[in-house]
Amino acid sequence: MSGVQLYISSVSASREVRSQQSEVERVLEVKRIKYKRIDISVSETLLEEMRSRAGNPIALPPQIFNDNSYCGDYWQFYDAVENEEIDHFLKLEQKEQHGCELSTDSNQNFTAES
């Protein structure tokens, strides 16, 4: 897998989980960060994969990863947003330093300022 991955559940009965998932997706979209949405409700295997990758046998969505690195859960994401450290949280800074393009918007031109 490559890039940011967001594990969610489209059939969660928990209002809190649904709200947290929506908030993470909203922030990623506003910041134009491309991500892959992985719905764990599709199979038990995906639920087990998410929990294994997070290192927590009872982890609930949303869980966030970048490539093979675990970024964190909703509360860690929330703290990163509040502290304006979302790029660091999502481990995007390392990719920028290697010249990889994180997201594109055909309507904008980006220039480096000194």
PDB file of N, CA and C in Angstrom:
ATOM      1  N   MET A   1       0.844  -1.187   0.000  1.00  0.00           N
ATOM      2  CA  MET A   1       0.000   0.000   0.000  1.00  0.00           C
ATOM      3  C   MET A   1       0.881   1.238   0.000  1.00  0.00           C
ATOM      4  N   SER A   2       0.398   2.276  -0.648  1.00  0.00           N
ATOM      5  CA  SER A   2       1.174   3.503  -0.638  1.00  0.00           C
ATOM      6  C   SER A   2       0.271   4.683  -0.343  1.00  0.00           C
ATOM      7  N   GLY A   3       0.870   5.719   0.232  1.00  0.00           N
ATOM      8  CA  GLY A   3       0.124   6.915   0.573  1.00  0.00           C
ATOM      9  C   GLY A   3      -0.685   6.772   1.847  1.00  0.00           C
ATOM     10  N   VAL A   4      -1.504   7.781   2.100  1.00  0.00           N
ATOM     11  CA  VAL A   4      -2.329   7.813   3.307  1.00  0.00           C
ATOM     12  C   VAL A   4      -3.501   6.853   3.137  1.00  0.00           C
ATOM     13  N   GLN A   5      -3.713   6.033   4.153  1.00  0.00           N
ATOM     14  CA  GLN A   5      -4.844   5.105   4.176  1.00  0.00           C
ATOM     15  C   GLN A   5      -5.688   5.386   5.416  1.00  0.00           C
ATOM     16  N   LEU A   6      -6.987   5.451   5.213  1.00  0.00           N
ATOM     17  CA  LEU A   6      -7.931   5.712   6.291  1.00  0.00           C
ATOM     18  C   LEU A   6      -8.864   4.522   6.408  1.00  0.00           C
ATOM     19  N   TYR A   7      -8.778   3.823   7.536  1.00  0.00           N
ATOM     20  CA  TYR A   7      -9.679   2.702   7.800  1.00  0.00           C
ATOM     21  C   TYR A   7     -10.940   3.254   8.447  1.00  0.00           C
ATOM     22  N   ILE A   8     -12.082   2.926   7.850  1.00  0.00           N
ATOM     23  CA  ILE A   8     -13.381   3.387   8.349  1.00  0.00           C
ATOM     24  C   ILE A   8     -14.340   2.198   8.358  1.00  0.00           C
ATOM     25  N   SER A   9     -15.523   2.414   8.925  1.00  0.00           N
ATOM     26  CA  SER A   9     -16.595   1.421   8.855  1.00  0.00           C
ATOM     27  C   SER A   9     -17.855   2.135   8.387  1.00  0.00           C
ATOM     28  N   SER A  10     -18.379   1.698   7.255  1.00  0.00           N
ATOM     29  CA  SER A  10     -19.571   2.351   6.707  1.00  0.00           C
ATOM     30  C   SER A  10     -20.850   1.912   7.415  1.00  0.00           C
ATOM     31  N   VAL A  11     -20.778   0.936   8.281  1.00  0.00           N
ATOM     32  CA  VAL A  11     -21.980   0.455   8.961  1.00  0.00           C
ATOM     33  C   VAL A  11     -21.865   0.527  10.486  1.00  0.00           C
ATOM     34  N   SER A  12     -21.074   1.423  10.989  1.00  0.00           N
ATOM     35  CA  SER A  12     -20.910   1.557  12.432  1.00  0.00           C
ATOM     36  C   SER A  12     -22.207   2.047  13.074  1.00  0.00           C
ATOM     37  N   ALA A  13     -22.581   1.418  14.176  1.00  0.00           N
ATOM     38  CA  ALA A  13     -23.767   1.837  14.916  1.00  0.00           C
ATOM     39  C   ALA A  13     -23.438   2.983  15.870  1.00  0.00           C
ATOM     40  N   SER A  14     -22.160   3.230  16.064  1.00  0.00           N
ATOM     41  CA  SER A  14     -21.727   4.265  16.989  1.00  0.00           C
ATOM     42  C   SER A  14     -21.757   5.642  16.320  1.00  0.00           C
ATOM     43  N   ARG A  15     -22.522   6.542  16.893  1.00  0.00           N
ATOM     44  CA  ARG A  15     -22.581   7.914  16.380  1.00  0.00           C
ATOM     45  C   ARG A  15     -21.218   8.587  16.504  1.00  0.00           C
ATOM     46  N   GLU A  16     -20.505   8.292  17.584  1.00  0.00           N
ATOM     47  CA  GLU A  16     -19.183   8.880  17.796  1.00  0.00           C
ATOM     48  C   GLU A  16     -18.197   8.443  16.705  1.00  0.00           C
ATOM     49  N   VAL A  17     -18.179   7.157  16.375  1.00  0.00           N
ATOM     50  CA  VAL A  17     -17.283   6.653  15.328  1.00  0.00           C
ATOM     51  C   VAL A  17     -17.631   7.284  13.988  1.00  0.00           C
ATOM     52  N   ARG A  18     -18.905   7.345  13.657  1.00  0.00           N
ATOM     53  CA  ARG A  18     -19.322   7.959  12.381  1.00  0.00           C
ATOM     54  C   ARG A  18     -18.903   9.427  12.312  1.00  0.00           C
ATOM     55  N   SER A  19     -19.069  10.130  13.412  1.00  0.00           N
ATOM     56  CA  SER A  19     -18.696  11.537  13.469  1.00  0.00           C
ATOM     57  C   SER A  19     -17.181  11.716  13.320  1.00  0.00           C
ATOM     58  N   GLN A  20     -16.415  10.881  13.991  1.00  0.00           N
ATOM     59  CA  GLN A  20     -14.958  10.951  13.904  1.00  0.00           C
ATOM     60  C   GLN A  20     -14.474  10.654  12.489  1.00  0.00           C
ATOM     61  N   GLN A  21     -15.041   9.640  11.869  1.00  0.00           N
ATOM     62  CA  GLN A  21     -14.669   9.293  10.497  1.00  0.00           C
ATOM     63  C   GLN A  21     -14.954  10.455   9.551  1.00  0.00           C
ATOM     64  N   SER A  22     -16.117  11.058   9.692  1.00  0.00           N
ATOM     65  CA  SER A  22     -16.501  12.186   8.843  1.00  0.00           C
ATOM     66  C   SER A  22     -15.558  13.362   9.030  1.00  0.00           C
ATOM     67  N   GLU A  23     -15.180  13.612  10.269  1.00  0.00           N
ATOM     68  CA  GLU A  23     -14.272  14.725  10.554  1.00  0.00           C
ATOM     69  C   GLU A  23     -12.904  14.493   9.924  1.00  0.00           C
ATOM     70  N   VAL A  24     -12.368  13.285  10.028  1.00  0.00           N
ATOM     71  CA  VAL A  24     -11.063  12.981   9.423  1.00  0.00           C
ATOM     72  C   VAL A  24     -11.143  13.165   7.913  1.00  0.00           C
ATOM     73  N   GLU A  25     -12.184  12.626   7.290  1.00  0.00           N
ATOM     74  CA  GLU A  25     -12.325  12.765   5.838  1.00  0.00           C
ATOM     75  C   GLU A  25     -12.480  14.230   5.438  1.00  0.00           C
ATOM     76  N   ARG A  26     -13.241  14.990   6.201  1.00  0.00           N
ATOM     77  CA  ARG A  26     -13.442  16.405   5.902  1.00  0.00           C
ATOM     78  C   ARG A  26     -12.114  17.153   5.934  1.00  0.00           C
ATOM     79  N   VAL A  27     -11.318  16.931   6.960  1.00  0.00           N
ATOM     80  CA  VAL A  27     -10.030  17.619   7.084  1.00  0.00           C
ATOM     81  C   VAL A  27      -9.102  17.231   5.937  1.00  0.00           C
ATOM     82  N   LEU A  28      -9.040  15.936   5.618  1.00  0.00           N
ATOM     83  CA  LEU A  28      -8.169  15.486   4.524  1.00  0.00           C
ATOM     84  C   LEU A  28      -8.587  16.122   3.202  1.00  0.00           C
ATOM     85  N   GLU A  29      -9.884  16.207   2.972  1.00  0.00           N
ATOM     86  CA  GLU A  29     -10.382  16.793   1.727  1.00  0.00           C
ATOM     87  C   GLU A  29     -10.122  18.301   1.669  1.00  0.00           C
ATOM     88  N   VAL A  30     -10.350  19.004   2.780  1.00  0.00           N
ATOM     89  CA  VAL A  30     -10.108  20.449   2.825  1.00  0.00           C
ATOM     90  C   VAL A  30      -8.630  20.737   2.572  1.00  0.00           C
ATOM     91  N   LYS A  31      -7.761  19.912   3.108  1.00  0.00           N
ATOM     92  CA  LYS A  31      -6.325  20.116   2.937  1.00  0.00           C
ATOM     93  C   LYS A  31      -5.801  19.490   1.649  1.00  0.00           C
ATOM     94  N   ARG A  32      -6.709  18.929   0.862  1.00  0.00           N
ATOM     95  CA  ARG A  32      -6.369  18.308  -0.426  1.00  0.00           C
ATOM     96  C   ARG A  32      -5.298  17.234  -0.290  1.00  0.00           C
ATOM     97  N   ILE A  33      -5.446  16.429   0.736  1.00  0.00           N
ATOM     98  CA  ILE A  33      -4.531  15.311   0.944  1.00  0.00           C
ATOM     99  C   ILE A  33      -5.195  14.069   0.380  1.00  0.00           C
ATOM    100  N   LYS A  34      -4.554  13.460  -0.581  1.00  0.00           N
ATOM    101  CA  LYS A  34      -5.107  12.250  -1.186  1.00  0.00           C
ATOM    102  C   LYS A  34      -4.974  11.099  -0.194  1.00  0.00           C
ATOM    103  N   TYR A  35      -6.015  10.268  -0.172  1.00  0.00           N
ATOM    104  CA  TYR A  35      -5.995   9.124   0.739  1.00  0.00           C
ATOM    105  C   TYR A  35      -6.823   7.994   0.151  1.00  0.00           C
ATOM    106  N   LYS A  36      -6.538   6.812   0.655  1.00  0.00           N
ATOM    107  CA  LYS A  36      -7.311   5.638   0.258  1.00  0.00           C
ATOM    108  C   LYS A  36      -8.224   5.278   1.423  1.00  0.00           C
ATOM    109  N   ARG A  37      -9.484   5.156   1.128  1.00  0.00           N
ATOM    110  CA  ARG A  37     -10.506   4.802   2.129  1.00  0.00           C
ATOM    111  C   ARG A  37     -10.658   3.285   2.129  1.00  0.00           C
ATOM    112  N   ILE A  38     -10.471   2.669   3.300  1.00  0.00           N
ATOM    113  CA  ILE A  38     -10.589   1.221   3.432  1.00  0.00           C
ATOM    114  C   ILE A  38     -11.723   0.926   4.404  1.00  0.00           C
ATOM    115  N   ASP A  39     -12.789   0.310   3.897  1.00  0.00           N
ATOM    116  CA  ASP A  39     -13.985   0.038   4.687  1.00  0.00           C
ATOM    117  C   ASP A  39     -13.879  -1.349   5.328  1.00  0.00           C
ATOM    118  N   ILE A  40     -13.705  -1.366   6.654  1.00  0.00           N
ATOM    119  CA  ILE A  40     -13.522  -2.644   7.355  1.00  0.00           C
ATOM    120  C   ILE A  40     -14.816  -3.443   7.469  1.00  0.00           C
ATOM    121  N   SER A  41     -15.956  -2.814   7.172  1.00  0.00           N
ATOM    122  CA  SER A  41     -17.223  -3.535   7.269  1.00  0.00           C
ATOM    123  C   SER A  41     -17.398  -4.517   6.110  1.00  0.00           C
ATOM    124  N   VAL A  42     -16.532  -4.411   5.105  1.00  0.00           N
ATOM    125  CA  VAL A  42     -16.608  -5.288   3.938  1.00  0.00           C
ATOM    126  C   VAL A  42     -16.172  -6.716   4.289  1.00  0.00           C
ATOM    127  N   SER A  43     -15.166  -6.825   5.177  1.00  0.00           N
ATOM    128  CA  SER A  43     -14.713  -8.166   5.545  1.00  0.00           C
ATOM    129  C   SER A  43     -14.036  -8.167   6.912  1.00  0.00           C
ATOM    130  N   GLU A  44     -14.148  -9.261   7.593  1.00  0.00           N
ATOM    131  CA  GLU A  44     -13.496  -9.454   8.890  1.00  0.00           C
ATOM    132  C   GLU A  44     -11.982  -9.377   8.737  1.00  0.00           C
ATOM    133  N   THR A  45     -11.474  -9.784   7.591  1.00  0.00           N
ATOM    134  CA  THR A  45     -10.038  -9.747   7.321  1.00  0.00           C
ATOM    135  C   THR A  45      -9.513  -8.316   7.385  1.00  0.00           C
ATOM    136  N   LEU A  46     -10.261  -7.347   6.837  1.00  0.00           N
ATOM    137  CA  LEU A  46      -9.832  -5.951   6.881  1.00  0.00           C
ATOM    138  C   LEU A  46      -9.841  -5.401   8.305  1.00  0.00           C
ATOM    139  N   LEU A  47     -10.816  -5.827   9.111  1.00  0.00           N
ATOM    140  CA  LEU A  47     -10.848  -5.420  10.523  1.00  0.00           C
ATOM    141  C   LEU A  47      -9.608  -5.942  11.234  1.00  0.00           C
ATOM    142  N   GLU A  48      -9.298  -7.208  11.024  1.00  0.00           N
ATOM    143  CA  GLU A  48      -8.122  -7.807  11.653  1.00  0.00           C
ATOM    144  C   GLU A  48      -6.835  -7.143  11.161  1.00  0.00           C
ATOM    145  N   GLU A  49      -6.791  -6.831   9.868  1.00  0.00           N
ATOM    146  CA  GLU A  49      -5.623  -6.141   9.295  1.00  0.00           C
ATOM    147  C   GLU A  49      -5.426  -4.781   9.958  1.00  0.00           C
ATOM    148  N   MET A  50      -6.503  -4.005  10.088  1.00  0.00           N
ATOM    149  CA  MET A  50      -6.421  -2.687  10.715  1.00  0.00           C
ATOM    150  C   MET A  50      -5.897  -2.799  12.132  1.00  0.00           C
ATOM    151  N   ARG A  51      -6.452  -3.713  12.894  1.00  0.00           N
ATOM    152  CA  ARG A  51      -6.039  -3.874  14.290  1.00  0.00           C
ATOM    153  C   ARG A  51      -4.603  -4.351  14.409  1.00  0.00           C
ATOM    154  N   SER A  52      -4.210  -5.249  13.535  1.00  0.00           N
ATOM    155  CA  SER A  52      -2.835  -5.738  13.534  1.00  0.00           C
ATOM    156  C   SER A  52      -1.862  -4.611  13.205  1.00  0.00           C
ATOM    157  N   ARG A  53      -2.169  -3.847  12.171  1.00  0.00           N
ATOM    158  CA  ARG A  53      -1.299  -2.743  11.762  1.00  0.00           C
ATOM    159  C   ARG A  53      -1.225  -1.661  12.837  1.00  0.00           C
ATOM    160  N   ALA A  54      -2.325  -1.445  13.565  1.00  0.00           N
ATOM    161  CA  ALA A  54      -2.352  -0.430  14.624  1.00  0.00           C
ATOM    162  C   ALA A  54      -1.690  -0.938  15.898  1.00  0.00           C
ATOM    163  N   GLY A  55      -1.488  -2.258  15.990  1.00  0.00           N
ATOM    164  CA  GLY A  55      -0.892  -2.830  17.188  1.00  0.00           C
ATOM    165  C   GLY A  55      -1.836  -2.827  18.374  1.00  0.00           C
ATOM    166  N   ASN A  56      -3.150  -2.851  18.085  1.00  0.00           N
ATOM    167  CA  ASN A  56      -4.158  -2.795  19.138  1.00  0.00           C
ATOM    168  C   ASN A  56      -5.288  -3.758  18.773  1.00  0.00           C
ATOM    169  N   PRO A  57      -5.454  -4.849  19.542  1.00  0.00           N
ATOM    170  CA  PRO A  57      -6.465  -5.852  19.194  1.00  0.00           C
ATOM    171  C   PRO A  57      -7.910  -5.386  19.337  1.00  0.00           C
ATOM    172  N   ILE A  58      -8.138  -4.209  19.908  1.00  0.00           N
ATOM    173  CA  ILE A  58      -9.511  -3.699  20.058  1.00  0.00           C
ATOM    174  C   ILE A  58      -9.695  -2.331  19.388  1.00  0.00           C
ATOM    175  N   ALA A  59      -8.757  -1.949  18.512  1.00  0.00           N
ATOM    176  CA  ALA A  59      -8.828  -0.647  17.838  1.00  0.00           C
ATOM    177  C   ALA A  59     -10.122  -0.515  17.042  1.00  0.00           C
ATOM    178  N   LEU A  60     -10.689   0.671  17.099  1.00  0.00           N
ATOM    179  CA  LEU A  60     -11.884   1.006  16.329  1.00  0.00           C
ATOM    180  C   LEU A  60     -11.524   2.040  15.277  1.00  0.00           C
ATOM    181  N   PRO A  61     -12.266   2.078  14.184  1.00  0.00           N
ATOM    182  CA  PRO A  61     -12.015   3.117  13.202  1.00  0.00           C
ATOM    183  C   PRO A  61     -12.426   4.479  13.757  1.00  0.00           C
ATOM    184  N   PRO A  62     -11.895   5.538  13.227  1.00  0.00           N
ATOM    185  CA  PRO A  62     -10.920   5.599  12.146  1.00  0.00           C
ATOM    186  C   PRO A  62      -9.491   5.380  12.638  1.00  0.00           C
ATOM    187  N   GLN A  63      -8.716   4.694  11.821  1.00  0.00           N
ATOM    188  CA  GLN A  63      -7.283   4.481  12.048  1.00  0.00           C
ATOM    189  C   GLN A  63      -6.564   4.968  10.797  1.00  0.00           C
ATOM    190  N   ILE A  64      -5.438   5.624  10.987  1.00  0.00           N
ATOM    191  CA  ILE A  64      -4.768   6.293   9.874  1.00  0.00           C
ATOM    192  C   ILE A  64      -3.334   5.795   9.734  1.00  0.00           C
ATOM    193  N   PHE A  65      -2.952   5.520   8.478  1.00  0.00           N
ATOM    194  CA  PHE A  65      -1.620   5.022   8.149  1.00  0.00           C
ATOM    195  C   PHE A  65      -1.074   5.808   6.971  1.00  0.00           C
ATOM    196  N   ASN A  66       0.244   5.800   6.833  1.00  0.00           N
ATOM    197  CA  ASN A  66       0.892   6.297   5.629  1.00  0.00           C
ATOM    198  C   ASN A  66       1.896   5.233   5.218  1.00  0.00           C
ATOM    199  N   ASP A  67       1.694   4.687   4.032  1.00  0.00           N
ATOM    200  CA  ASP A  67       2.462   3.525   3.572  1.00  0.00           C
ATOM    201  C   ASP A  67       2.353   2.443   4.643  1.00  0.00           C
ATOM    202  N   ASN A  68       3.482   1.985   5.142  1.00  0.00           N
ATOM    203  CA  ASN A  68       3.454   0.941   6.170  1.00  0.00           C
ATOM    204  C   ASN A  68       3.583   1.498   7.580  1.00  0.00           C
ATOM    205  N   SER A  69       3.537   2.820   7.725  1.00  0.00           N
ATOM    206  CA  SER A  69       3.691   3.454   9.032  1.00  0.00           C
ATOM    207  C   SER A  69       2.330   3.795   9.635  1.00  0.00           C
ATOM    208  N   TYR A  70       2.181   3.457  10.902  1.00  0.00           N
ATOM    209  CA  TYR A  70       0.965   3.800  11.629  1.00  0.00           C
ATOM    210  C   TYR A  70       1.062   5.247  12.073  1.00  0.00           C
ATOM    211  N   CYS A  71       0.070   6.059  11.712  1.00  0.00           N
ATOM    212  CA  CYS A  71       0.038   7.468  12.121  1.00  0.00           C
ATOM    213  C   CYS A  71      -0.698   7.620  13.450  1.00  0.00           C
ATOM    214  N   GLY A  72      -1.890   7.007  13.549  1.00  0.00           N
ATOM    215  CA  GLY A  72      -2.633   7.102  14.790  1.00  0.00           C
ATOM    216  C   GLY A  72      -4.128   6.965  14.593  1.00  0.00           C
ATOM    217  N   ASP A  73      -4.846   7.193  15.695  1.00  0.00           N
ATOM    218  CA  ASP A  73      -6.300   7.101  15.682  1.00  0.00           C
ATOM    219  C   ASP A  73      -6.900   8.497  15.602  1.00  0.00           C
ATOM    220  N   TYR A  74      -8.190   8.603  15.810  1.00  0.00           N
ATOM    221  CA  TYR A  74      -8.869   9.892  15.691  1.00  0.00           C
ATOM    222  C   TYR A  74      -8.304  10.931  16.652  1.00  0.00           C
ATOM    223  N   TRP A  75      -8.100  10.558  17.907  1.00  0.00           N
ATOM    224  CA  TRP A  75      -7.677  11.541  18.901  1.00  0.00           C
ATOM    225  C   TRP A  75      -6.276  12.060  18.617  1.00  0.00           C
ATOM    226  N   GLN A  76      -5.413  11.213  18.116  1.00  0.00           N
ATOM    227  CA  GLN A  76      -4.074  11.667  17.732  1.00  0.00           C
ATOM    228  C   GLN A  76      -4.172  12.595  16.515  1.00  0.00           C
ATOM    229  N   PHE A  77      -5.052  12.253  15.586  1.00  0.00           N
ATOM    230  CA  PHE A  77      -5.308  13.094  14.422  1.00  0.00           C
ATOM    231  C   PHE A  77      -5.843  14.456  14.872  1.00  0.00           C
ATOM    232  N   TYR A  78      -6.821  14.437  15.755  1.00  0.00           N
ATOM    233  CA  TYR A  78      -7.426  15.657  16.283  1.00  0.00           C
ATOM    234  C   TYR A  78      -6.365  16.566  16.909  1.00  0.00           C
ATOM    235  N   ASP A  79      -5.494  15.980  17.743  1.00  0.00           N
ATOM    236  CA  ASP A  79      -4.432  16.766  18.374  1.00  0.00           C
ATOM    237  C   ASP A  79      -3.513  17.386  17.320  1.00  0.00           C
ATOM    238  N   ALA A  80      -3.176  16.620  16.293  1.00  0.00           N
ATOM    239  CA  ALA A  80      -2.302  17.127  15.226  1.00  0.00           C
ATOM    240  C   ALA A  80      -2.958  18.294  14.486  1.00  0.00           C
ATOM    241  N   VAL A  81      -4.239  18.196  14.239  1.00  0.00           N
ATOM    242  CA  VAL A  81      -4.958  19.283  13.564  1.00  0.00           C
ATOM    243  C   VAL A  81      -4.956  20.526  14.448  1.00  0.00           C
ATOM    244  N   GLU A  82      -5.273  20.342  15.723  1.00  0.00           N
ATOM    245  CA  GLU A  82      -5.320  21.469  16.659  1.00  0.00           C
ATOM    246  C   GLU A  82      -3.961  22.151  16.804  1.00  0.00           C
ATOM    247  N   ASN A  83      -2.889  21.369  16.738  1.00  0.00           N
ATOM    248  CA  ASN A  83      -1.533  21.901  16.886  1.00  0.00           C
ATOM    249  C   ASN A  83      -0.894  22.282  15.553  1.00  0.00           C
ATOM    250  N   GLU A  84      -1.695  22.216  14.484  1.00  0.00           N
ATOM    251  CA  GLU A  84      -1.232  22.528  13.130  1.00  0.00           C
ATOM    252  C   GLU A  84      -0.010  21.696  12.744  1.00  0.00           C
ATOM    253  N   GLU A  85      -0.072  20.397  13.069  1.00  0.00           N
ATOM    254  CA  GLU A  85       1.020  19.465  12.773  1.00  0.00           C
ATOM    255  C   GLU A  85       0.538  18.298  11.925  1.00  0.00           C
ATOM    256  N   ILE A  86      -0.457  18.545  11.084  1.00  0.00           N
ATOM    257  CA  ILE A  86      -1.069  17.463  10.317  1.00  0.00           C
ATOM    258  C   ILE A  86      -0.080  16.803   9.361  1.00  0.00           C
ATOM    259  N   ASP A  87       0.786  17.597   8.709  1.00  0.00           N
ATOM    260  CA  ASP A  87       1.769  17.017   7.793  1.00  0.00           C
ATOM    261  C   ASP A  87       2.731  16.098   8.542  1.00  0.00           C
ATOM    262  N   HIS A  88       3.155  16.540   9.709  1.00  0.00           N
ATOM    263  CA  HIS A  88       4.050  15.707  10.525  1.00  0.00           C
ATOM    264  C   HIS A  88       3.334  14.435  10.971  1.00  0.00           C
ATOM    265  N   PHE A  89       2.097  14.574  11.447  1.00  0.00           N
ATOM    266  CA  PHE A  89       1.310  13.422  11.890  1.00  0.00           C
ATOM    267  C   PHE A  89       1.150  12.396  10.770  1.00  0.00           C
ATOM    268  N   LEU A  90       0.846  12.878   9.571  1.00  0.00           N
ATOM    269  CA  LEU A  90       0.626  11.984   8.435  1.00  0.00           C
ATOM    270  C   LEU A  90       1.928  11.546   7.764  1.00  0.00           C
ATOM    271  N   LYS A  91       3.046  11.982   8.318  1.00  0.00           N
ATOM    272  CA  LYS A  91       4.373  11.629   7.802  1.00  0.00           C
ATOM    273  C   LYS A  91       4.544  12.082   6.354  1.00  0.00           C
ATOM    274  N   LEU A  92       4.002  13.268   6.045  1.00  0.00           N
ATOM    275  CA  LEU A  92       4.083  13.805   4.699  1.00  0.00           C
ATOM    276  C   LEU A  92       5.364  14.589   4.474  1.00  0.00           C
ATOM    277  N   GLU A  93       5.936  15.141   5.532  1.00  0.00           N
ATOM    278  CA  GLU A  93       7.141  15.951   5.397  1.00  0.00           C
ATOM    279  C   GLU A  93       8.288  15.160   4.781  1.00  0.00           C
ATOM    280  N   GLN A  94       8.441  13.912   5.170  1.00  0.00           N
ATOM    281  CA  GLN A  94       9.517  13.082   4.647  1.00  0.00           C
ATOM    282  C   GLN A  94       9.379  12.916   3.145  1.00  0.00           C
ATOM    283  N   LYS A  95       8.177  12.747   2.655  1.00  0.00           N
ATOM    284  CA  LYS A  95       7.961  12.564   1.226  1.00  0.00           C
ATOM    285  C   LYS A  95       8.238  13.856   0.474  1.00  0.00           C
ATOM    286  N   GLU A  96       7.884  14.992   1.065  1.00  0.00           N
ATOM    287  CA  GLU A  96       8.145  16.270   0.413  1.00  0.00           C
ATOM    288  C   GLU A  96       9.647  16.469   0.239  1.00  0.00           C
ATOM    289  N   GLN A  97      10.432  16.065   1.230  1.00  0.00           N
ATOM    290  CA  GLN A  97      11.871  16.224   1.159  1.00  0.00           C
ATOM    291  C   GLN A  97      12.477  15.359   0.061  1.00  0.00           C
ATOM    292  N   HIS A  98      11.807  14.295  -0.312  1.00  0.00           N
ATOM    293  CA  HIS A  98      12.300  13.420  -1.363  1.00  0.00           C
ATOM    294  C   HIS A  98      11.719  13.767  -2.723  1.00  0.00           C
ATOM    295  N   GLY A  99      11.014  14.892  -2.800  1.00  0.00           N
ATOM    296  CA  GLY A  99      10.519  15.376  -4.077  1.00  0.00           C
ATOM    297  C   GLY A  99       9.258  14.697  -4.572  1.00  0.00           C
ATOM    298  N   CYS A 100       8.574  13.953  -3.742  1.00  0.00           N
ATOM    299  CA  CYS A 100       7.331  13.309  -4.157  1.00  0.00           C
ATOM    300  C   CYS A 100       6.196  14.324  -4.067  1.00  0.00           C
ATOM    301  N   GLU A 101       5.297  14.268  -5.006  1.00  0.00           N
ATOM    302  CA  GLU A 101       4.151  15.150  -4.999  1.00  0.00           C
ATOM    303  C   GLU A 101       3.063  14.500  -4.158  1.00  0.00           C
ATOM    304  N   LEU A 102       2.522  15.250  -3.196  1.00  0.00           N
ATOM    305  CA  LEU A 102       1.545  14.688  -2.275  1.00  0.00           C
ATOM    306  C   LEU A 102       0.132  14.768  -2.813  1.00  0.00           C
ATOM    307  N   SER A 103      -0.222  15.907  -3.328  1.00  0.00           N
ATOM    308  CA  SER A 103      -1.537  16.055  -3.918  1.00  0.00           C
ATOM    309  C   SER A 103      -1.441  17.162  -4.950  1.00  0.00           C
ATOM    310  N   THR A 104      -2.340  17.127  -5.901  1.00  0.00           N
ATOM    311  CA  THR A 104      -2.285  18.140  -6.941  1.00  0.00           C
ATOM    312  C   THR A 104      -3.637  18.784  -7.115  1.00  0.00           C
ATOM    313  N   ASP A 105      -3.596  20.008  -7.558  1.00  0.00           N
ATOM    314  CA  ASP A 105      -4.804  20.735  -7.900  1.00  0.00           C
ATOM    315  C   ASP A 105      -4.488  21.435  -9.207  1.00  0.00           C
ATOM    316  N   SER A 106      -5.125  21.015 -10.274  1.00  0.00           N
ATOM    317  CA  SER A 106      -4.800  21.539 -11.594  1.00  0.00           C
ATOM    318  C   SER A 106      -5.096  23.028 -11.729  1.00  0.00           C
ATOM    319  N   ASN A 107      -5.824  23.600 -10.784  1.00  0.00           N
ATOM    320  CA  ASN A 107      -6.172  25.017 -10.871  1.00  0.00           C
ATOM    321  C   ASN A 107      -5.176  25.912 -10.155  1.00  0.00           C
ATOM    322  N   GLN A 108      -4.185  25.335  -9.483  1.00  0.00           N
ATOM    323  CA  GLN A 108      -3.240  26.133  -8.737  1.00  0.00           C
ATOM    324  C   GLN A 108      -1.818  25.835  -9.192  1.00  0.00           C
ATOM    325  N   ASN A 109      -0.984  26.851  -9.161  1.00  0.00           N
ATOM    326  CA  ASN A 109       0.434  26.690  -9.415  1.00  0.00           C
ATOM    327  C   ASN A 109       1.157  26.922  -8.101  1.00  0.00           C
ATOM    328  N   PHE A 110       2.050  26.039  -7.756  1.00  0.00           N
ATOM    329  CA  PHE A 110       2.788  26.150  -6.509  1.00  0.00           C
ATOM    330  C   PHE A 110       4.204  26.606  -6.827  1.00  0.00           C
ATOM    331  N   THR A 111       4.668  27.580  -6.065  1.00  0.00           N
ATOM    332  CA  THR A 111       6.030  28.054  -6.257  1.00  0.00           C
ATOM    333  C   THR A 111       6.728  28.052  -4.923  1.00  0.00           C
ATOM    334  N   ALA A 112       8.028  27.867  -4.952  1.00  0.00           N
ATOM    335  CA  ALA A 112       8.831  27.913  -3.736  1.00  0.00           C
ATOM    336  C   ALA A 112       9.204  29.365  -3.458  1.00  0.00           C
ATOM    337  N   GLU A 113       9.042  29.761  -2.213  1.00  0.00           N
ATOM    338  CA  GLU A 113       9.418  31.107  -1.822  1.00  0.00           C
ATOM    339  C   GLU A 113      10.640  31.018  -0.930  1.00  0.00           C
ATOM    340  N   SER A 114      11.538  31.994  -1.042  1.00  0.00           N
ATOM    341  CA  SER A 114      12.725  31.965  -0.190  1.00  0.00           C
ATOM    342  C   SER A 114      12.541  32.838   1.020  1.00  0.00           C
TER     343      SER A 114
END
